[in-house]
Amino acid sequence: MNSCYILLIIWGLLIKEGIGCLEWISSADGRYRRHCYSFIRSPSPMNTLEADDYCRLTTGGRLAPYIDSFQYNHLLSLRPADAATTFIGTNDIALEDTWVNFDGTPIHNNGFIYTMTNYPVDQPNGGTGQNCAVINAKPGDATYIPSETQDKSCTTHSSTDMLCYNEEYTGQCLSWTSTADSKYRSHCYWLTSTPGGATDWRVTDAMTKCQCEGGQLAPVIDDLQFAFLTNLLSTISGTTGVATSAWFSTHNIKGTPANWNGDPSTASFSSTPPAGEYCFLTSTGGTQTWQPCSYTDIANINGAICYTEALAAPVPVTSNVSAMTIEERKKELTIDPKETNAFKLSKISVYEDRPTAKGIGILGIVLLGSFFAFIIVLDCQRLEQFCSRKTDPTYA
C-alpha cells in the first residue's frame, strides 16, 4: 500500500472525535439494527465521494446513512463543538428531492428531507447541481443551525469532517438435527416489526415483511429450536427495551400444530391450541398465545421472527483417516496405464459377426492366399529351370 495512504489511515484513526454504537428497532421501517458510528476528521479537505472512500480506508465502513430521527440525533451527538460541515451518506442524485443512502439503505417516506434547514424555504436550494447532503457546521448561525442539513455539490464542496459507520449482524444462527423429523437444519433468525405508519399487522403482513427482507416467517419445529428463538426475543428486548409479541409460522388449521413452510411442529407449547384457524405468537417476555390468523391488534403484536436457511447439510467429519505419507497417498491414487481398459482393448481384436464383415474377411484371406500362391508358382518355375540347366549337356 502507498505510504501516503498508510499515513492517512493512521491520521484518521488518531482523530476520531466521537465513537458510538447504537442498537435499536427503527420506527421508520421496523428493522432491528446494530450500527457503530465514528466522527472522523481528515488531514486535508475532500468532497463527499472521497469522504466515502476515506471511511472505507479508515474504518472499513461507509458514510453514515439516515435511518430515522432517533438514529440521526445519535449522529449529531458524536460531533465535536468545532465541527465543520459534516459529510453523511445521503444523496438525491437519481431523482431530485428524493433522498436515498449511498449504501442502499432505504429512507422511509423520504423522511430525511425534513432535516433540511428551514425546509422548504431555505434548503434544499441547489437543484440538480447539489445532490449530496451535509450537516451544518458548528456553532452555526440563526439560519443554519448545527442540527440541520443542507444540500451541497458531491464533487466541488469540500470539508475535513465526516460520519462513518459499520453495521453489525443482529441475527443469530442455529444448526441442529431436529427431533421432529431427524433432519439436519441450519437457520439464521432475526427480528422484524411493523414499518412506520402501519395500522395492521396480521400474520400475512409478517410473512410479506420477512420476504421483503430476504427470508421467510420462522417456523417452530421442536423444543430445542423454540427455546433458542424465545431466548433471541428476550435478548433483543433486554437490549432495546422494546416489549412486544412476534408472529411465527406455526398454525393449527390442520387440527394439530404445523408450519406454513411444511416443516413439522412438535414443540411443547404452554397451551393446547383451540380448534379453528389459529396462529401462534410469543411475547418478548415468553408468553405464548394462539390468536385467530386474522388477528391484527397492532398495540399487542407488531413483531415477527424471520429466518433464512444456511447450510443444507452438515459438513461430514472424518475421525478415522489413516495416517499416510504423501508418497503413499500418491502411489495409492496413481493408475497403471497398462491396467486401463483402453490399453487392454488395444491388444485384442474385437469380434464382428456382421455378414459384410465376414465377407470382407474371407475376400482378404483369398487375395492374400492367391498372392502367396502366385509367388510360390514363380519360384517353382525358376527352380525347375535351374535344375534343367544342371542336367543339360549343352550348358556343361
Foldseek 3Di string as FASTA:
>chain_A
DDPVLVVQLVQFVVAFQFKDWDWAQDQAAQFTWIKIKTKTFTPDKFFQVVVQVSLCSRPVFGFADDEDPVVLVVVLVRDDQFFAFAFGQWWQQPHPLQIQGPVGDGHHPSVLQVLAFVPPPPAADPTNQFTGKTAHGPPADPGRHRSGMYTGGRGPDIGRIGMTMDIDDLWDKDWDQDPQPRFTFIKIKDKGWHHHPDQWDFVVNQQVSLVVVPFGFAAAAEAVVVVVVLVSLLVSCVRHVDKAKAFHQWWCQVPAIAGPVGHRHDYDDPDGDDYDTWGWMAINVGDIDTDHSRDTPRVHHTMTMTMDTDDNDDDDDDDPDDDDDPVRVCVVPDDDPCPDPVNVPVPDDDDDDDPVVVVVVVVVVVVVVVVVVVVVVVVVVVVVVVVVLVPDPVND
